[in-house]
Amino acid sequence: MPTSPRPRIHHSSWRAVNLPKLALAQRRIIWSIPAIYAVCLLLPLLFFTLRAPGLFWIGFTIISLFILLYLGALCFAVWLSVRSGHHPVLIVFIAIAMFFPLINAIVLMFVNRDATAILRKAGVKVGLMGVPPAHMFRLYHGVCTTCGYDVTQLPTDIARCPECGAAIARSLLDR
């Protein structure tokens, strides 16, 4: 995979957005949501494990997992908000809202919606679980948007990708 990221795009008047980091943050937050709800399904077991003397460690493990996943989701939500270019005051409100059940799910949906809009505006396919790994190469500057071939070293007179034959957008290479 190429190492030079695409130039940042300006989403809001506050800051520029780095697309590869935004896509990575979005994938992490999307995958943390089902993990949190899976642990929530284990919470009824907590009632039985705390009452039985030999099963205390199972209850402790469930509580620890729940706390770690919530703190992880909080960090991911703040990280995604920063990568999306939100204002710092809004990021503080997002962090505070993440401590309240059900409100945090709504916050995660809105933060994810903003990240999806930014990525789609940049011409990247965004699926149910974020940007598919097969399309991550489109977030990098200097690659063919069809196959991912590195076109930075090609002479300027070549108008097509030598790998797949797609037209090369020279305007992306000149930025």
C-alpha atoms as a PDB file:
ATOM      1  CA  MET A   1       0.000   0.000   0.000  1.00  0.00           C
ATOM      2  CA  PRO A   2       1.367   3.460  -0.801  1.00  0.00           C
ATOM      3  CA  THR A   3       2.604   5.453   2.137  1.00  0.00           C
ATOM      4  CA  SER A   4       1.728   9.002   1.143  1.00  0.00           C
ATOM      5  CA  PRO A   5      -1.841   9.908   2.133  1.00  0.00           C
ATOM      6  CA  ARG A   6      -4.113  11.979  -0.058  1.00  0.00           C
ATOM      7  CA  PRO A   7      -4.095  15.682   0.629  1.00  0.00           C
ATOM      8  CA  ARG A   8      -6.437  16.719   3.373  1.00  0.00           C
ATOM      9  CA  ILE A   9      -9.841  17.988   2.390  1.00  0.00           C
ATOM     10  CA  HIS A  10     -11.489  20.858   4.200  1.00  0.00           C
ATOM     11  CA  HIS A  11     -14.800  19.657   5.581  1.00  0.00           C
ATOM     12  CA  SER A  12     -15.602  22.531   7.852  1.00  0.00           C
ATOM     13  CA  SER A  13     -14.233  25.963   8.487  1.00  0.00           C
ATOM     14  CA  TRP A  14     -12.432  24.688  11.567  1.00  0.00           C
ATOM     15  CA  ARG A  15      -9.924  22.092  10.320  1.00  0.00           C
ATOM     16  CA  ALA A  16      -8.826  19.859   7.473  1.00  0.00           C
ATOM     17  CA  VAL A  17      -9.635  16.139   7.405  1.00  0.00           C
ATOM     18  CA  ASN A  18      -7.102  13.383   6.792  1.00  0.00           C
ATOM     19  CA  LEU A  19      -9.117  10.761   4.906  1.00  0.00           C
ATOM     20  CA  PRO A  20      -7.115   7.586   5.721  1.00  0.00           C
ATOM     21  CA  LYS A  21      -7.164   8.335   9.441  1.00  0.00           C
ATOM     22  CA  LEU A  22     -10.860   9.196   9.290  1.00  0.00           C
ATOM     23  CA  ALA A  23     -11.646   5.881   7.579  1.00  0.00           C
ATOM     24  CA  LEU A  24      -9.636   3.961  10.178  1.00  0.00           C
ATOM     25  CA  ALA A  25     -11.355   5.753  13.068  1.00  0.00           C
ATOM     26  CA  GLN A  26     -14.760   5.066  11.531  1.00  0.00           C
ATOM     27  CA  ARG A  27     -14.059   1.338  11.166  1.00  0.00           C
ATOM     28  CA  ARG A  28     -12.968   1.137  14.809  1.00  0.00           C
ATOM     29  CA  ILE A  29     -16.084   2.865  16.114  1.00  0.00           C
ATOM     30  CA  ILE A  30     -18.372   0.753  13.936  1.00  0.00           C
ATOM     31  CA  TRP A  31     -16.787  -2.485  15.159  1.00  0.00           C
ATOM     32  CA  SER A  32     -16.898  -1.350  18.793  1.00  0.00           C
ATOM     33  CA  ILE A  33     -20.687  -0.900  18.741  1.00  0.00           C
ATOM     34  CA  PRO A  34     -21.557  -4.611  18.232  1.00  0.00           C
ATOM     35  CA  ALA A  35     -18.919  -5.544  20.792  1.00  0.00           C
ATOM     36  CA  ILE A  36     -20.578  -3.325  23.401  1.00  0.00           C
ATOM     37  CA  TYR A  37     -24.006  -4.785  22.707  1.00  0.00           C
ATOM     38  CA  ALA A  38     -22.606  -8.325  22.834  1.00  0.00           C
ATOM     39  CA  VAL A  39     -21.279  -7.630  26.313  1.00  0.00           C
ATOM     40  CA  CYS A  40     -24.638  -6.091  27.228  1.00  0.00           C
ATOM     41  CA  LEU A  41     -26.196  -9.451  26.412  1.00  0.00           C
ATOM     42  CA  LEU A  42     -23.881 -11.001  29.000  1.00  0.00           C
ATOM     43  CA  LEU A  43     -25.003  -8.613  31.748  1.00  0.00           C
ATOM     44  CA  PRO A  44     -27.942 -10.831  32.867  1.00  0.00           C
ATOM     45  CA  LEU A  45     -25.346 -13.492  33.692  1.00  0.00           C
ATOM     46  CA  LEU A  46     -23.875 -11.015  36.107  1.00  0.00           C
ATOM     47  CA  PHE A  47     -26.810 -11.452  38.477  1.00  0.00           C
ATOM     48  CA  PHE A  48     -26.216 -15.191  38.736  1.00  0.00           C
ATOM     49  CA  THR A  49     -22.425 -15.073  38.892  1.00  0.00           C
ATOM     50  CA  LEU A  50     -22.268 -12.535  41.722  1.00  0.00           C
ATOM     51  CA  ARG A  51     -24.590 -14.646  43.898  1.00  0.00           C
ATOM     52  CA  ALA A  52     -22.664 -17.892  43.432  1.00  0.00           C
ATOM     53  CA  PRO A  53     -19.476 -18.011  45.515  1.00  0.00           C
ATOM     54  CA  GLY A  54     -17.330 -19.846  42.975  1.00  0.00           C
ATOM     55  CA  LEU A  55     -18.350 -17.779  39.936  1.00  0.00           C
ATOM     56  CA  PHE A  56     -17.315 -14.335  41.147  1.00  0.00           C
ATOM     57  CA  TRP A  57     -14.443 -14.173  38.636  1.00  0.00           C
ATOM     58  CA  ILE A  58     -16.912 -14.536  35.728  1.00  0.00           C
ATOM     59  CA  GLY A  59     -18.917 -11.563  36.994  1.00  0.00           C
ATOM     60  CA  PHE A  60     -15.755  -9.559  37.481  1.00  0.00           C
ATOM     61  CA  THR A  61     -14.663 -10.398  33.920  1.00  0.00           C
ATOM     62  CA  ILE A  62     -18.033  -9.295  32.488  1.00  0.00           C
ATOM     63  CA  ILE A  63     -17.941  -6.005  34.387  1.00  0.00           C
ATOM     64  CA  SER A  64     -14.316  -5.390  33.355  1.00  0.00           C
ATOM     65  CA  LEU A  65     -15.080  -6.128  29.716  1.00  0.00           C
ATOM     66  CA  PHE A  66     -18.101  -3.833  29.811  1.00  0.00           C
ATOM     67  CA  ILE A  67     -16.095  -0.959  31.297  1.00  0.00           C
ATOM     68  CA  LEU A  68     -13.200  -1.439  28.870  1.00  0.00           C
ATOM     69  CA  LEU A  69     -15.507  -1.505  25.855  1.00  0.00           C
ATOM     70  CA  TYR A  70     -17.351   1.619  26.981  1.00  0.00           C
ATOM     71  CA  LEU A  71     -14.078   3.465  27.559  1.00  0.00           C
ATOM     72  CA  GLY A  72     -12.867   2.249  24.168  1.00  0.00           C
ATOM     73  CA  ALA A  73     -16.056   3.479  22.501  1.00  0.00           C
ATOM     74  CA  LEU A  74     -15.635   6.823  24.248  1.00  0.00           C
ATOM     75  CA  CYS A  75     -12.062   7.130  22.960  1.00  0.00           C
ATOM     76  CA  PHE A  76     -13.088   6.040  19.455  1.00  0.00           C
ATOM     77  CA  ALA A  77     -15.979   8.543  19.391  1.00  0.00           C
ATOM     78  CA  VAL A  78     -13.693  11.394  20.422  1.00  0.00           C
ATOM     79  CA  TRP A  79     -11.048  10.242  17.927  1.00  0.00           C
ATOM     80  CA  LEU A  80     -13.599  10.050  15.122  1.00  0.00           C
ATOM     81  CA  SER A  81     -14.923  13.498  16.034  1.00  0.00           C
ATOM     82  CA  VAL A  82     -11.417  14.948  15.923  1.00  0.00           C
ATOM     83  CA  ARG A  83     -10.735  13.238  12.571  1.00  0.00           C
ATOM     84  CA  SER A  84     -14.062  14.511  11.217  1.00  0.00           C
ATOM     85  CA  GLY A  85     -13.006  18.079  11.928  1.00  0.00           C
ATOM     86  CA  HIS A  86     -15.594  18.865  14.600  1.00  0.00           C
ATOM     87  CA  HIS A  87     -15.132  21.913  16.787  1.00  0.00           C
ATOM     88  CA  PRO A  88     -13.406  21.225  20.158  1.00  0.00           C
ATOM     89  CA  VAL A  89     -16.475  22.321  22.143  1.00  0.00           C
ATOM     90  CA  LEU A  90     -18.624  19.798  20.276  1.00  0.00           C
ATOM     91  CA  ILE A  91     -16.016  17.099  20.946  1.00  0.00           C
ATOM     92  CA  VAL A  92     -16.288  17.797  24.696  1.00  0.00           C
ATOM     93  CA  PHE A  93     -20.088  17.478  24.519  1.00  0.00           C
ATOM     94  CA  ILE A  94     -19.715  14.208  22.590  1.00  0.00           C
ATOM     95  CA  ALA A  95     -17.351  12.854  25.254  1.00  0.00           C
ATOM     96  CA  ILE A  96     -19.783  13.777  28.043  1.00  0.00           C
ATOM     97  CA  ALA A  97     -22.770  12.302  26.185  1.00  0.00           C
ATOM     98  CA  MET A  98     -20.940   8.986  25.795  1.00  0.00           C
ATOM     99  CA  PHE A  99     -21.392   8.333  29.537  1.00  0.00           C
ATOM    100  CA  PHE A 100     -25.196   8.144  29.265  1.00  0.00           C
ATOM    101  CA  PRO A 101     -26.847   4.936  28.049  1.00  0.00           C
ATOM    102  CA  LEU A 102     -28.866   5.210  24.831  1.00  0.00           C
ATOM    103  CA  ILE A 103     -27.683   8.777  24.321  1.00  0.00           C
ATOM    104  CA  ASN A 104     -24.265   7.360  23.476  1.00  0.00           C
ATOM    105  CA  ALA A 105     -25.789   5.221  20.714  1.00  0.00           C
ATOM    106  CA  ILE A 106     -27.402   8.321  19.200  1.00  0.00           C
ATOM    107  CA  VAL A 107     -24.100  10.215  19.453  1.00  0.00           C
ATOM    108  CA  LEU A 108     -22.258   7.360  17.742  1.00  0.00           C
ATOM    109  CA  MET A 109     -24.808   7.353  14.914  1.00  0.00           C
ATOM    110  CA  PHE A 110     -24.416  11.090  14.297  1.00  0.00           C
ATOM    111  CA  VAL A 111     -20.617  11.016  14.466  1.00  0.00           C
ATOM    112  CA  ASN A 112     -20.567   8.032  12.100  1.00  0.00           C
ATOM    113  CA  ARG A 113     -22.990   9.817   9.746  1.00  0.00           C
ATOM    114  CA  ASP A 114     -20.668  12.825   9.530  1.00  0.00           C
ATOM    115  CA  ALA A 115     -17.645  10.623   8.793  1.00  0.00           C
ATOM    116  CA  THR A 116     -19.587   8.729   6.120  1.00  0.00           C
ATOM    117  CA  ALA A 117     -20.645  12.001   4.457  1.00  0.00           C
ATOM    118  CA  ILE A 118     -17.043  13.254   4.362  1.00  0.00           C
ATOM    119  CA  LEU A 119     -15.739  10.001   2.893  1.00  0.00           C
ATOM    120  CA  ARG A 120     -18.493   9.807   0.278  1.00  0.00           C
ATOM    121  CA  LYS A 121     -17.878  13.435  -0.680  1.00  0.00           C
ATOM    122  CA  ALA A 122     -14.262  12.439  -1.362  1.00  0.00           C
ATOM    123  CA  GLY A 123     -15.504   9.721  -3.731  1.00  0.00           C
ATOM    124  CA  VAL A 124     -14.857   6.711  -1.500  1.00  0.00           C
ATOM    125  CA  LYS A 125     -17.290   3.804  -1.244  1.00  0.00           C
ATOM    126  CA  VAL A 126     -18.537   3.445   2.334  1.00  0.00           C
ATOM    127  CA  GLY A 127     -20.303   0.229   3.258  1.00  0.00           C
ATOM    128  CA  LEU A 128     -22.150  -0.996   6.325  1.00  0.00           C
ATOM    129  CA  MET A 129     -18.923  -1.478   8.284  1.00  0.00           C
ATOM    130  CA  GLY A 130     -17.082   1.564   6.931  1.00  0.00           C
ATOM    131  CA  VAL A 131     -14.677   1.731   4.016  1.00  0.00           C
ATOM    132  CA  PRO A 132     -14.045  -1.816   2.758  1.00  0.00           C
ATOM    133  CA  PRO A 133     -10.396  -2.897   2.899  1.00  0.00           C
ATOM    134  CA  ALA A 134     -10.426  -3.319  -0.881  1.00  0.00           C
ATOM    135  CA  HIS A 135     -11.221   0.401  -1.269  1.00  0.00           C
ATOM    136  CA  MET A 136      -8.798   1.794   1.322  1.00  0.00           C
ATOM    137  CA  PHE A 137      -6.177   2.370  -1.398  1.00  0.00           C
ATOM    138  CA  ARG A 138      -8.394   5.093  -2.875  1.00  0.00           C
ATOM    139  CA  LEU A 139      -7.694   7.208   0.177  1.00  0.00           C
ATOM    140  CA  TYR A 140      -4.041   7.488  -0.711  1.00  0.00           C
ATOM    141  CA  HIS A 141      -2.553  10.094  -3.000  1.00  0.00           C
ATOM    142  CA  GLY A 142      -0.758   8.973  -6.144  1.00  0.00           C
ATOM    143  CA  VAL A 143      -2.528   5.698  -6.827  1.00  0.00           C
ATOM    144  CA  CYS A 144      -4.877   4.602  -9.580  1.00  0.00           C
ATOM    145  CA  THR A 145      -8.404   4.922  -8.225  1.00  0.00           C
ATOM    146  CA  THR A 146      -9.451   1.730 -10.016  1.00  0.00           C
ATOM    147  CA  CYS A 147      -6.755  -0.817  -9.131  1.00  0.00           C
ATOM    148  CA  GLY A 148      -4.459   0.914  -6.598  1.00  0.00           C
ATOM    149  CA  TYR A 149      -1.337   0.917  -8.802  1.00  0.00           C
ATOM    150  CA  ASP A 150       1.237   3.532  -7.750  1.00  0.00           C
ATOM    151  CA  VAL A 151       1.308   6.083 -10.579  1.00  0.00           C
ATOM    152  CA  THR A 152       3.542   8.699  -8.943  1.00  0.00           C
ATOM    153  CA  GLN A 153       6.654   7.670 -10.898  1.00  0.00           C
ATOM    154  CA  LEU A 154       4.980   7.553 -14.309  1.00  0.00           C
ATOM    155  CA  PRO A 155       5.963  10.154 -16.914  1.00  0.00           C
ATOM    156  CA  THR A 156       3.489  12.977 -17.299  1.00  0.00           C
ATOM    157  CA  ASP A 157       2.674  12.064 -20.896  1.00  0.00           C
ATOM    158  CA  ILE A 158       1.107   8.719 -19.897  1.00  0.00           C
ATOM    159  CA  ALA A 159      -2.649   9.183 -19.537  1.00  0.00           C
ATOM    160  CA  ARG A 160      -3.650   5.611 -18.653  1.00  0.00           C
ATOM    161  CA  CYS A 161      -2.741   3.243 -15.836  1.00  0.00           C
ATOM    162  CA  PRO A 162      -0.330   0.567 -17.085  1.00  0.00           C
ATOM    163  CA  GLU A 163      -1.941  -2.010 -14.776  1.00  0.00           C
ATOM    164  CA  CYS A 164      -5.657  -1.708 -15.606  1.00  0.00           C
ATOM    165  CA  GLY A 165      -5.892   0.869 -18.408  1.00  0.00           C
ATOM    166  CA  ALA A 166      -8.042   3.354 -16.477  1.00  0.00           C
ATOM    167  CA  ALA A 167      -7.569   7.069 -17.094  1.00  0.00           C
ATOM    168  CA  ILE A 168      -5.197   8.697 -14.607  1.00  0.00           C
ATOM    169  CA  ALA A 169      -6.464  11.854 -12.938  1.00  0.00           C
ATOM    170  CA  ARG A 170      -3.368  14.081 -13.193  1.00  0.00           C
ATOM    171  CA  SER A 171      -5.084  16.754 -11.121  1.00  0.00           C
ATOM    172  CA  LEU A 172      -4.825  14.434  -8.085  1.00  0.00           C
ATOM    173  CA  LEU A 173      -1.110  13.932  -8.635  1.00  0.00           C
ATOM    174  CA  ASP A 174      -0.352  17.650  -8.940  1.00  0.00           C
ATOM    175  CA  ARG A 175      -1.821  18.622  -5.559  1.00  0.00           C
END
